[in-house]
Amino acid sequence: VHMVESGGGLVQAGGSLRLSCAVSGSIYSLGWYRQGPGKQR
């Protein structure tokens, strides 16, 4: 299975962004994780 994200970028505080992920197959659970600088995912 391949997963490709899009939609990231630079935004000012208070703003909005919409991330998308295209998946090459049908998966039971889809989600999002993040890893900040110097932090764990």
Full PDB file with SEQRES, HELIX, SHEET, SSBOND, CRYST1, ORIGX, SCALE, CONECT and MASTER records, all heavy atoms in Angstrom:
SEQRES   1 A   41  VAL HIS MET VAL GLU SER GLY GLY GLY LEU VAL GLN ALA          
SEQRES   2 A   41  GLY GLY SER LEU ARG LEU SER CYS ALA VAL SER GLY SER          
SEQRES   3 A   41  ILE TYR SER LEU GLY TRP TYR ARG GLN GLY PRO GLY LYS          
SEQRES   4 A   41  GLN ARG                                                      
SHEET    1 AA1 2 MET A   3  SER A   6  0                                        
SHEET    2 AA1 2 SER A  20  VAL A  23 -1                                        
CRYST1    1.000    1.000    1.000  90.00  90.00  90.00 P 1           1          
ORIGX1      1.000000  0.000000  0.000000        0.00000                         
ORIGX2      0.000000  1.000000  0.000000        0.00000                         
ORIGX3      0.000000  0.000000  1.000000        0.00000                         
SCALE1      1.000000  0.000000  0.000000        0.00000                         
SCALE2      0.000000  1.000000  0.000000        0.00000                         
SCALE3      0.000000  0.000000  1.000000        0.00000                         
ATOM      1  N   VAL A   1       0.836  -1.182   0.000  1.00  0.00           N  
ATOM      2  CA  VAL A   1       0.000   0.000   0.000  1.00  0.00           C  
ATOM      3  C   VAL A   1       0.878   1.241   0.000  1.00  0.00           C  
ATOM      4  O   VAL A   1       1.861   1.321   0.738  1.00  0.00           O  
ATOM      5  CB  VAL A   1      -0.917   0.010   1.241  1.00  0.00           C  
ATOM      6  CG1 VAL A   1      -1.662   1.325   1.347  1.00  0.00           C  
ATOM      7  CG2 VAL A   1      -1.885  -1.170   1.184  1.00  0.00           C  
ATOM      8  N   HIS A   2       0.508   2.206  -0.823  1.00  0.00           N  
ATOM      9  CA  HIS A   2       1.226   3.476  -0.868  1.00  0.00           C  
ATOM     10  C   HIS A   2       0.313   4.586  -0.384  1.00  0.00           C  
ATOM     11  O   HIS A   2      -0.884   4.596  -0.693  1.00  0.00           O  
ATOM     12  CB  HIS A   2       1.708   3.777  -2.283  1.00  0.00           C  
ATOM     13  CG  HIS A   2       2.710   2.786  -2.794  1.00  0.00           C  
ATOM     14  ND1 HIS A   2       4.033   2.768  -2.395  1.00  0.00           N  
ATOM     15  CD2 HIS A   2       2.566   1.743  -3.655  1.00  0.00           C  
ATOM     16  CE1 HIS A   2       4.663   1.773  -2.996  1.00  0.00           C  
ATOM     17  NE2 HIS A   2       3.791   1.134  -3.763  1.00  0.00           N  
ATOM     18  N   MET A   3       0.900   5.519   0.364  1.00  0.00           N  
ATOM     19  CA  MET A   3       0.144   6.629   0.909  1.00  0.00           C  
ATOM     20  C   MET A   3       0.907   7.905   0.588  1.00  0.00           C  
ATOM     21  O   MET A   3       2.097   8.014   0.905  1.00  0.00           O  
ATOM     22  CB  MET A   3      -0.028   6.474   2.424  1.00  0.00           C  
ATOM     23  CG  MET A   3      -0.498   5.086   2.841  1.00  0.00           C  
ATOM     24  SD  MET A   3      -0.747   4.906   4.605  1.00  0.00           S  
ATOM     25  CE  MET A   3      -2.358   5.654   4.779  1.00  0.00           C  
ATOM     26  N   VAL A   4       0.230   8.862  -0.023  1.00  0.00           N  
ATOM     27  CA  VAL A   4       0.885  10.091  -0.456  1.00  0.00           C  
ATOM     28  C   VAL A   4       0.128  11.290   0.090  1.00  0.00           C  
ATOM     29  O   VAL A   4      -1.036  11.501  -0.251  1.00  0.00           O  
ATOM     30  CB  VAL A   4       0.953  10.162  -1.995  1.00  0.00           C  
ATOM     31  CG1 VAL A   4       1.649  11.463  -2.425  1.00  0.00           C  
ATOM     32  CG2 VAL A   4       1.692   8.951  -2.564  1.00  0.00           C  
ATOM     33  N   GLU A   5       0.832  12.050   0.928  1.00  0.00           N  
ATOM     34  CA  GLU A   5       0.225  13.237   1.521  1.00  0.00           C  
ATOM     35  C   GLU A   5       0.410  14.465   0.632  1.00  0.00           C  
ATOM     36  O   GLU A   5       1.360  14.535  -0.152  1.00  0.00           O  
ATOM     37  CB  GLU A   5       0.847  13.550   2.884  1.00  0.00           C  
ATOM     38  CG  GLU A   5       0.763  12.451   3.918  1.00  0.00           C  
ATOM     39  CD  GLU A   5       2.022  11.628   3.991  1.00  0.00           C  
ATOM     40  OE1 GLU A   5       2.744  11.562   2.981  1.00  0.00           O  
ATOM     41  OE2 GLU A   5       2.291  11.042   5.056  1.00  0.00           O  
ATOM     42  N   SER A   6      -0.469  15.423   0.824  1.00  0.00           N  
ATOM     43  CA  SER A   6      -0.348  16.718   0.161  1.00  0.00           C  
ATOM     44  C   SER A   6      -1.057  17.755   1.017  1.00  0.00           C  
ATOM     45  O   SER A   6      -1.848  17.408   1.902  1.00  0.00           O  
ATOM     46  CB  SER A   6      -0.968  16.673  -1.239  1.00  0.00           C  
ATOM     47  OG  SER A   6      -2.347  16.353  -1.177  1.00  0.00           O  
ATOM     48  N   GLY A   7      -0.748  19.029   0.751  1.00  0.00           N  
ATOM     49  CA  GLY A   7      -1.459  20.104   1.413  1.00  0.00           C  
ATOM     50  C   GLY A   7      -0.698  20.832   2.504  1.00  0.00           C  
ATOM     51  O   GLY A   7      -1.214  21.785   3.082  1.00  0.00           O  
ATOM     52  N   GLY A   8       0.499  20.390   2.810  1.00  0.00           N  
ATOM     53  CA  GLY A   8       1.262  21.089   3.832  1.00  0.00           C  
ATOM     54  C   GLY A   8       1.738  22.442   3.343  1.00  0.00           C  
ATOM     55  O   GLY A   8       1.591  22.797   2.171  1.00  0.00           O  
ATOM     56  N   GLY A   9       2.320  23.209   4.260  1.00  0.00           N  
ATOM     57  CA  GLY A   9       2.839  24.514   3.866  1.00  0.00           C  
ATOM     58  C   GLY A   9       3.053  25.409   5.064  1.00  0.00           C  
ATOM     59  O   GLY A   9       3.096  24.956   6.203  1.00  0.00           O  
ATOM     60  N   LEU A  10       3.199  26.687   4.767  1.00  0.00           N  
ATOM     61  CA  LEU A  10       3.438  27.713   5.782  1.00  0.00           C  
ATOM     62  C   LEU A  10       2.164  28.521   5.978  1.00  0.00           C  
ATOM     63  O   LEU A  10       1.555  28.973   5.001  1.00  0.00           O  
ATOM     64  CB  LEU A  10       4.584  28.621   5.338  1.00  0.00           C  
ATOM     65  CG  LEU A  10       4.887  29.843   6.203  1.00  0.00           C  
ATOM     66  CD1 LEU A  10       5.364  29.411   7.577  1.00  0.00           C  
ATOM     67  CD2 LEU A  10       5.927  30.718   5.502  1.00  0.00           C  
ATOM     68  N   VAL A  11       1.783  28.714   7.228  1.00  0.00           N  
ATOM     69  CA  VAL A  11       0.574  29.462   7.541  1.00  0.00           C  
ATOM     70  C   VAL A  11       0.814  30.255   8.815  1.00  0.00           C  
ATOM     71  O   VAL A  11       1.622  29.853   9.666  1.00  0.00           O  
ATOM     72  CB  VAL A  11      -0.634  28.512   7.693  1.00  0.00           C  
ATOM     73  CG1 VAL A  11      -0.463  27.573   8.876  1.00  0.00           C  
ATOM     74  CG2 VAL A  11      -1.944  29.262   7.777  1.00  0.00           C  
ATOM     75  N   GLN A  12       0.133  31.371   8.948  1.00  0.00           N  
ATOM     76  CA  GLN A  12       0.235  32.165  10.163  1.00  0.00           C  
ATOM     77  C   GLN A  12      -0.625  31.566  11.265  1.00  0.00           C  
ATOM     78  O   GLN A  12      -1.628  30.880  10.988  1.00  0.00           O  
ATOM     79  CB  GLN A  12      -0.198  33.598   9.889  1.00  0.00           C  
ATOM     80  CG  GLN A  12       0.807  34.399   9.068  1.00  0.00           C  
ATOM     81  CD  GLN A  12       0.446  35.871   9.007  1.00  0.00           C  
ATOM     82  OE1 GLN A  12      -0.720  36.242   9.085  1.00  0.00           O  
ATOM     83  NE2 GLN A  12       1.461  36.717   8.852  1.00  0.00           N  
ATOM     84  N   ALA A  13      -0.248  31.846  12.483  1.00  0.00           N  
ATOM     85  CA  ALA A  13      -1.036  31.394  13.626  1.00  0.00           C  
ATOM     86  C   ALA A  13      -2.476  31.880  13.484  1.00  0.00           C  
ATOM     87  O   ALA A  13      -2.722  33.023  13.095  1.00  0.00           O  
ATOM     88  CB  ALA A  13      -0.430  31.901  14.922  1.00  0.00           C  
ATOM     89  N   GLY A  14      -3.403  30.983  13.801  1.00  0.00           N  
ATOM     90  CA  GLY A  14      -4.815  31.300  13.646  1.00  0.00           C  
ATOM     91  C   GLY A  14      -5.386  30.899  12.306  1.00  0.00           C  
ATOM     92  O   GLY A  14      -6.609  30.906  12.120  1.00  0.00           O  
ATOM     93  N   GLY A  15      -4.516  30.548  11.378  1.00  0.00           N  
ATOM     94  CA  GLY A  15      -4.950  30.173  10.040  1.00  0.00           C  
ATOM     95  C   GLY A  15      -5.358  28.711   9.942  1.00  0.00           C  
ATOM     96  O   GLY A  15      -5.411  27.989  10.946  1.00  0.00           O  
ATOM     97  N   SER A  16      -5.637  28.292   8.717  1.00  0.00           N  
ATOM     98  CA  SER A  16      -6.117  26.934   8.461  1.00  0.00           C  
ATOM     99  C   SER A  16      -5.332  26.289   7.327  1.00  0.00           C  
ATOM    100  O   SER A  16      -4.806  26.976   6.439  1.00  0.00           O  
ATOM    101  CB  SER A  16      -7.603  26.962   8.072  1.00  0.00           C  
ATOM    102  OG  SER A  16      -8.403  27.489   9.113  1.00  0.00           O  
ATOM    103  N   LEU A  17      -5.283  24.975   7.376  1.00  0.00           N  
ATOM    104  CA  LEU A  17      -4.718  24.176   6.295  1.00  0.00           C  
ATOM    105  C   LEU A  17      -5.524  22.895   6.203  1.00  0.00           C  
ATOM    106  O   LEU A  17      -6.084  22.428   7.205  1.00  0.00           O  
ATOM    107  CB  LEU A  17      -3.250  23.817   6.558  1.00  0.00           C  
ATOM    108  CG  LEU A  17      -2.165  24.814   6.219  1.00  0.00           C  
ATOM    109  CD1 LEU A  17      -0.803  24.265   6.641  1.00  0.00           C  
ATOM    110  CD2 LEU A  17      -2.153  25.166   4.736  1.00  0.00           C  
ATOM    111  N   ARG A  18      -5.532  22.316   5.011  1.00  0.00           N  
ATOM    112  CA  ARG A  18      -6.211  21.035   4.814  1.00  0.00           C  
ATOM    113  C   ARG A  18      -5.215  20.067   4.205  1.00  0.00           C  
ATOM    114  O   ARG A  18      -4.673  20.305   3.116  1.00  0.00           O  
ATOM    115  CB  ARG A  18      -7.407  21.204   3.885  1.00  0.00           C  
ATOM    116  CG  ARG A  18      -8.169  19.916   3.581  1.00  0.00           C  
ATOM    117  CD  ARG A  18      -9.362  20.251   2.688  1.00  0.00           C  
ATOM    118  NE  ARG A  18     -10.001  19.108   2.094  1.00  0.00           N  
ATOM    119  CZ  ARG A  18     -10.967  18.387   2.671  1.00  0.00           C  
ATOM    120  NH1 ARG A  18     -11.383  18.706   3.888  1.00  0.00           N  
ATOM    121  NH2 ARG A  18     -11.512  17.366   2.050  1.00  0.00           N  
ATOM    122  N   LEU A  19      -4.953  19.000   4.928  1.00  0.00           N  
ATOM    123  CA  LEU A  19      -4.072  17.952   4.437  1.00  0.00           C  
ATOM    124  C   LEU A  19      -4.895  16.846   3.794  1.00  0.00           C  
ATOM    125  O   LEU A  19      -6.005  16.553   4.240  1.00  0.00           O  
ATOM    126  CB  LEU A  19      -3.245  17.366   5.579  1.00  0.00           C  
ATOM    127  CG  LEU A  19      -2.395  18.336   6.397  1.00  0.00           C  
ATOM    128  CD1 LEU A  19      -1.601  17.559   7.444  1.00  0.00           C  
ATOM    129  CD2 LEU A  19      -1.478  19.154   5.516  1.00  0.00           C  
ATOM    130  N   SER A  20      -4.326  16.258   2.770  1.00  0.00           N  
ATOM    131  CA  SER A  20      -4.981  15.136   2.114  1.00  0.00           C  
ATOM    132  C   SER A  20      -3.988  13.994   1.966  1.00  0.00           C  
ATOM    133  O   SER A  20      -2.775  14.216   1.891  1.00  0.00           O  
ATOM    134  CB  SER A  20      -5.492  15.541   0.733  1.00  0.00           C  
ATOM    135  OG  SER A  20      -6.496  16.532   0.842  1.00  0.00           O  
ATOM    136  N   CYS A  21      -4.521  12.795   1.916  1.00  0.00           N  
ATOM    137  CA  CYS A  21      -3.677  11.614   1.733  1.00  0.00           C  
ATOM    138  C   CYS A  21      -4.393  10.671   0.769  1.00  0.00           C  
ATOM    139  O   CYS A  21      -5.539  10.275   1.021  1.00  0.00           O  
ATOM    140  CB  CYS A  21      -3.428  10.939   3.064  1.00  0.00           C  
ATOM    141  SG  CYS A  21      -2.470   9.406   2.951  1.00  0.00           S  
ATOM    142  N   ALA A  22      -3.721  10.340  -0.299  1.00  0.00           N  
ATOM    143  CA  ALA A  22      -4.243   9.380  -1.264  1.00  0.00           C  
ATOM    144  C   ALA A  22      -3.654   8.006  -0.965  1.00  0.00           C  
ATOM    145  O   ALA A  22      -2.432   7.866  -0.828  1.00  0.00           O  
ATOM    146  CB  ALA A  22      -3.881   9.815  -2.676  1.00  0.00           C  
ATOM    147  N   VAL A  23      -4.518   7.026  -0.847  1.00  0.00           N  
ATOM    148  CA  VAL A  23      -4.114   5.676  -0.462  1.00  0.00           C  
ATOM    149  C   VAL A  23      -4.364   4.733  -1.639  1.00  0.00           C  
ATOM    150  O   VAL A  23      -5.413   4.803  -2.285  1.00  0.00           O  
ATOM    151  CB  VAL A  23      -4.914   5.216   0.767  1.00  0.00           C  
ATOM    152  CG1 VAL A  23      -4.410   3.859   1.256  1.00  0.00           C  
ATOM    153  CG2 VAL A  23      -4.833   6.255   1.876  1.00  0.00           C  
ATOM    154  N   SER A  24      -3.409   3.835  -1.879  1.00  0.00           N  
ATOM    155  CA  SER A  24      -3.519   2.973  -3.061  1.00  0.00           C  
ATOM    156  C   SER A  24      -4.430   1.777  -2.848  1.00  0.00           C  
ATOM    157  O   SER A  24      -4.679   1.020  -3.784  1.00  0.00           O  
ATOM    158  CB  SER A  24      -2.129   2.484  -3.492  1.00  0.00           C  
ATOM    159  OG  SER A  24      -1.573   1.668  -2.483  1.00  0.00           O  
ATOM    160  N   GLY A  25      -4.934   1.580  -1.615  1.00  0.00           N  
ATOM    161  CA  GLY A  25      -5.831   0.476  -1.354  1.00  0.00           C  
ATOM    162  C   GLY A  25      -6.842   0.841  -0.281  1.00  0.00           C  
ATOM    163  O   GLY A  25      -6.825   1.948   0.256  1.00  0.00           O  
ATOM    164  N   SER A  26      -7.729  -0.099   0.010  1.00  0.00           N  
ATOM    165  CA  SER A  26      -8.745   0.136   1.039  1.00  0.00           C  
ATOM    166  C   SER A  26      -8.200  -0.320   2.387  1.00  0.00           C  
ATOM    167  O   SER A  26      -7.846  -1.489   2.563  1.00  0.00           O  
ATOM    168  CB  SER A  26     -10.020  -0.645   0.703  1.00  0.00           C  
ATOM    169  OG  SER A  26     -10.990  -0.451   1.698  1.00  0.00           O  
ATOM    170  N   ILE A  27      -8.123   0.614   3.313  1.00  0.00           N  
ATOM    171  CA  ILE A  27      -7.551   0.349   4.628  1.00  0.00           C  
ATOM    172  C   ILE A  27      -8.599   0.591   5.702  1.00  0.00           C  
ATOM    173  O   ILE A  27      -9.345   1.563   5.625  1.00  0.00           O  
ATOM    174  CB  ILE A  27      -6.333   1.271   4.884  1.00  0.00           C  
ATOM    175  CG1 ILE A  27      -5.267   1.050   3.812  1.00  0.00           C  
ATOM    176  CG2 ILE A  27      -5.749   1.031   6.266  1.00  0.00           C  
ATOM    177  CD1 ILE A  27      -4.637  -0.309   3.827  1.00  0.00           C  
ATOM    178  N   TYR A  28      -8.648  -0.286   6.699  1.00  0.00           N  
ATOM    179  CA  TYR A  28      -9.658  -0.195   7.746  1.00  0.00           C  
ATOM    180  C   TYR A  28      -9.625   1.149   8.477  1.00  0.00           C  
ATOM    181  O   TYR A  28     -10.628   1.833   8.605  1.00  0.00           O  
ATOM    182  CB  TYR A  28      -9.477  -1.330   8.743  1.00  0.00           C  
ATOM    183  CG  TYR A  28     -10.320  -1.189   9.990  1.00  0.00           C  
ATOM    184  CD1 TYR A  28     -11.702  -1.316   9.931  1.00  0.00           C  
ATOM    185  CD2 TYR A  28      -9.732  -0.906  11.222  1.00  0.00           C  
ATOM    186  CE1 TYR A  28     -12.483  -1.157  11.058  1.00  0.00           C  
ATOM    187  CE2 TYR A  28     -10.506  -0.746  12.354  1.00  0.00           C  
ATOM    188  CZ  TYR A  28     -11.886  -0.882  12.266  1.00  0.00           C  
ATOM    189  OH  TYR A  28     -12.663  -0.728  13.379  1.00  0.00           O  
ATOM    190  N   SER A  29      -8.473   1.523   8.971  1.00  0.00           N  
ATOM    191  CA  SER A  29      -8.358   2.762   9.724  1.00  0.00           C  
ATOM    192  C   SER A  29      -7.299   3.657   9.093  1.00  0.00           C  
ATOM    193  O   SER A  29      -6.185   3.203   8.821  1.00  0.00           O  
ATOM    194  CB  SER A  29      -7.988   2.470  11.179  1.00  0.00           C  
ATOM    195  OG  SER A  29      -7.768   3.673  11.901  1.00  0.00           O  
ATOM    196  N   LEU A  30      -7.655   4.891   8.855  1.00  0.00           N  
ATOM    197  CA  LEU A  30      -6.708   5.873   8.314  1.00  0.00           C  
ATOM    198  C   LEU A  30      -6.561   6.996   9.320  1.00  0.00           C  
ATOM    199  O   LEU A  30      -7.536   7.387   9.976  1.00  0.00           O  
ATOM    200  CB  LEU A  30      -7.222   6.417   6.986  1.00  0.00           C  
ATOM    201  CG  LEU A  30      -7.324   5.420   5.837  1.00  0.00           C  
ATOM    202  CD1 LEU A  30      -7.998   6.057   4.623  1.00  0.00           C  
ATOM    203  CD2 LEU A  30      -5.944   4.917   5.453  1.00  0.00           C  
ATOM    204  N   GLY A  31      -5.367   7.488   9.427  1.00  0.00           N  
ATOM    205  CA  GLY A  31      -5.164   8.527  10.420  1.00  0.00           C  
ATOM    206  C   GLY A  31      -3.990   9.428  10.115  1.00  0.00           C  
ATOM    207  O   GLY A  31      -3.360   9.325   9.050  1.00  0.00           O  
ATOM    208  N   TRP A  32      -3.728  10.298  11.069  1.00  0.00           N  
ATOM    209  CA  TRP A  32      -2.628  11.261  10.965  1.00  0.00           C  
ATOM    210  C   TRP A  32      -1.811  11.262  12.250  1.00  0.00           C  
ATOM    211  O   TRP A  32      -2.373  11.212  13.354  1.00  0.00           O  
ATOM    212  CB  TRP A  32      -3.169  12.662  10.700  1.00  0.00           C  
ATOM    213  CG  TRP A  32      -3.843  12.801   9.378  1.00  0.00           C  
ATOM    214  CD1 TRP A  32      -5.168  12.611   9.098  1.00  0.00           C  
ATOM    215  CD2 TRP A  32      -3.231  13.138   8.141  1.00  0.00           C  
ATOM    216  NE1 TRP A  32      -5.417  12.807   7.771  1.00  0.00           N  
ATOM    217  CE2 TRP A  32      -4.239  13.143   7.149  1.00  0.00           C  
ATOM    218  CE3 TRP A  32      -1.931  13.447   7.763  1.00  0.00           C  
ATOM    219  CZ2 TRP A  32      -3.982  13.444   5.821  1.00  0.00           C  
ATOM    220  CZ3 TRP A  32      -1.677  13.753   6.434  1.00  0.00           C  
ATOM    221  CH2 TRP A  32      -2.691  13.746   5.477  1.00  0.00           C  
ATOM    222  N   TYR A  33      -0.514  11.327  12.070  1.00  0.00           N  
ATOM    223  CA  TYR A  33       0.437  11.510  13.154  1.00  0.00           C  
ATOM    224  C   TYR A  33       1.292  12.721  12.796  1.00  0.00           C  
ATOM    225  O   TYR A  33       1.309  13.169  11.643  1.00  0.00           O  
ATOM    226  CB  TYR A  33       1.335  10.280  13.304  1.00  0.00           C  
ATOM    227  CG  TYR A  33       0.667   9.070  13.921  1.00  0.00           C  
ATOM    228  CD1 TYR A  33      -0.337   8.384  13.250  1.00  0.00           C  
ATOM    229  CD2 TYR A  33       1.058   8.599  15.172  1.00  0.00           C  
ATOM    230  CE1 TYR A  33      -0.946   7.267  13.807  1.00  0.00           C  
ATOM    231  CE2 TYR A  33       0.465   7.487  15.741  1.00  0.00           C  
ATOM    232  CZ  TYR A  33      -0.527   6.824  15.053  1.00  0.00           C  
ATOM    233  OH  TYR A  33      -1.123   5.716  15.611  1.00  0.00           O  
ATOM    234  N   ARG A  34       2.002  13.227  13.768  1.00  0.00           N  
ATOM    235  CA  ARG A  34       2.936  14.323  13.493  1.00  0.00           C  
ATOM    236  C   ARG A  34       4.183  14.183  14.358  1.00  0.00           C  
ATOM    237  O   ARG A  34       4.149  13.570  15.423  1.00  0.00           O  
ATOM    238  CB  ARG A  34       2.271  15.684  13.717  1.00  0.00           C  
ATOM    239  CG  ARG A  34       1.981  16.010  15.180  1.00  0.00           C  
ATOM    240  CD  ARG A  34       1.231  17.320  15.283  1.00  0.00           C  
ATOM    241  NE  ARG A  34       0.942  17.678  16.673  1.00  0.00           N  
ATOM    242  CZ  ARG A  34       0.158  18.681  17.043  1.00  0.00           C  
ATOM    243  NH1 ARG A  34      -0.434  19.442  16.111  1.00  0.00           N  
ATOM    244  NH2 ARG A  34      -0.034  18.938  18.321  1.00  0.00           N  
ATOM    245  N   GLN A  35       5.253  14.774  13.840  1.00  0.00           N  
ATOM    246  CA  GLN A  35       6.515  14.791  14.584  1.00  0.00           C  
ATOM    247  C   GLN A  35       7.090  16.187  14.506  1.00  0.00           C  
ATOM    248  O   GLN A  35       7.522  16.631  13.430  1.00  0.00           O  
ATOM    249  CB  GLN A  35       7.496  13.760  14.029  1.00  0.00           C  
ATOM    250  CG  GLN A  35       8.750  13.625  14.866  1.00  0.00           C  
ATOM    251  CD  GLN A  35       9.545  12.387  14.520  1.00  0.00           C  
ATOM    252  OE1 GLN A  35       9.324  11.731  13.503  1.00  0.00           O  
ATOM    253  NE2 GLN A  35      10.472  12.023  15.383  1.00  0.00           N  
ATOM    254  N   GLY A  36       7.078  16.865  15.650  1.00  0.00           N  
ATOM    255  CA  GLY A  36       7.635  18.195  15.720  1.00  0.00           C  
ATOM    256  C   GLY A  36       9.137  18.154  15.937  1.00  0.00           C  
ATOM    257  O   GLY A  36       9.694  17.102  16.262  1.00  0.00           O  
ATOM    258  N   PRO A  37       9.809  19.295  15.798  1.00  0.00           N  
ATOM    259  CA  PRO A  37      11.254  19.367  15.971  1.00  0.00           C  
ATOM    260  C   PRO A  37      11.674  18.878  17.366  1.00  0.00           C  
ATOM    261  O   PRO A  37      11.171  19.388  18.372  1.00  0.00           O  
ATOM    262  CB  PRO A  37      11.563  20.856  15.797  1.00  0.00           C  
ATOM    263  CG  PRO A  37      10.401  21.403  15.046  1.00  0.00           C  
ATOM    264  CD  PRO A  37       9.216  20.597  15.454  1.00  0.00           C  
ATOM    265  N   GLY A  38      12.526  17.890  17.404  1.00  0.00           N  
ATOM    266  CA  GLY A  38      13.025  17.372  18.667  1.00  0.00           C  
ATOM    267  C   GLY A  38      12.016  16.578  19.473  1.00  0.00           C  
ATOM    268  O   GLY A  38      12.222  16.309  20.658  1.00  0.00           O  
ATOM    269  N   LYS A  39      10.907  16.207  18.830  1.00  0.00           N  
ATOM    270  CA  LYS A  39       9.861  15.486  19.549  1.00  0.00           C  
ATOM    271  C   LYS A  39       9.638  14.105  18.941  1.00  0.00           C  
ATOM    272  O   LYS A  39      10.044  13.823  17.819  1.00  0.00           O  
ATOM    273  CB  LYS A  39       8.550  16.278  19.505  1.00  0.00           C  
ATOM    274  CG  LYS A  39       8.608  17.631  20.178  1.00  0.00           C  
ATOM    275  CD  LYS A  39       7.264  18.342  20.092  1.00  0.00           C  
ATOM    276  CE  LYS A  39       7.306  19.704  20.743  1.00  0.00           C  
ATOM    277  NZ  LYS A  39       5.988  20.395  20.637  1.00  0.00           N  
ATOM    278  N   GLN A  40       8.958  13.260  19.692  1.00  0.00           N  
ATOM    279  CA  GLN A  40       8.579  11.962  19.180  1.00  0.00           C  
ATOM    280  C   GLN A  40       7.325  12.088  18.311  1.00  0.00           C  
ATOM    281  O   GLN A  40       6.542  13.028  18.459  1.00  0.00           O  
ATOM    282  CB  GLN A  40       8.308  10.995  20.337  1.00  0.00           C  
ATOM    283  CG  GLN A  40       9.553  10.604  21.121  1.00  0.00           C  
ATOM    284  CD  GLN A  40       9.269   9.510  22.141  1.00  0.00           C  
ATOM    285  OE1 GLN A  40       8.156   9.395  22.643  1.00  0.00           O  
ATOM    286  NE2 GLN A  40      10.259   8.694  22.418  1.00  0.00           N  
ATOM    287  N   ARG A  41       7.169  11.143  17.426  1.00  0.00           N  
ATOM    288  CA  ARG A  41       5.960  11.126  16.607  1.00  0.00           C  
ATOM    289  C   ARG A  41       4.754  10.881  17.509  1.00  0.00           C  
ATOM    290  O   ARG A  41       4.790  10.021  18.384  1.00  0.00           O  
ATOM    291  CB  ARG A  41       6.069  10.039  15.540  1.00  0.00           C  
ATOM    292  CG  ARG A  41       5.019  10.127  14.460  1.00  0.00           C  
ATOM    293  CD  ARG A  41       5.289   9.138  13.340  1.00  0.00           C  
ATOM    294  NE  ARG A  41       6.546   9.403  12.664  1.00  0.00           N  
ATOM    295  CZ  ARG A  41       6.909   8.809  11.537  1.00  0.00           C  
ATOM    296  NH1 ARG A  41       6.112   7.921  10.964  1.00  0.00           N  
ATOM    297  NH2 ARG A  41       8.071   9.087  10.987  1.00  0.00           N  
TER     298      ARG A  41                                                      
MASTER        0    0    0    0    2    0    0    6  297    1    0    4          
END                                                                             
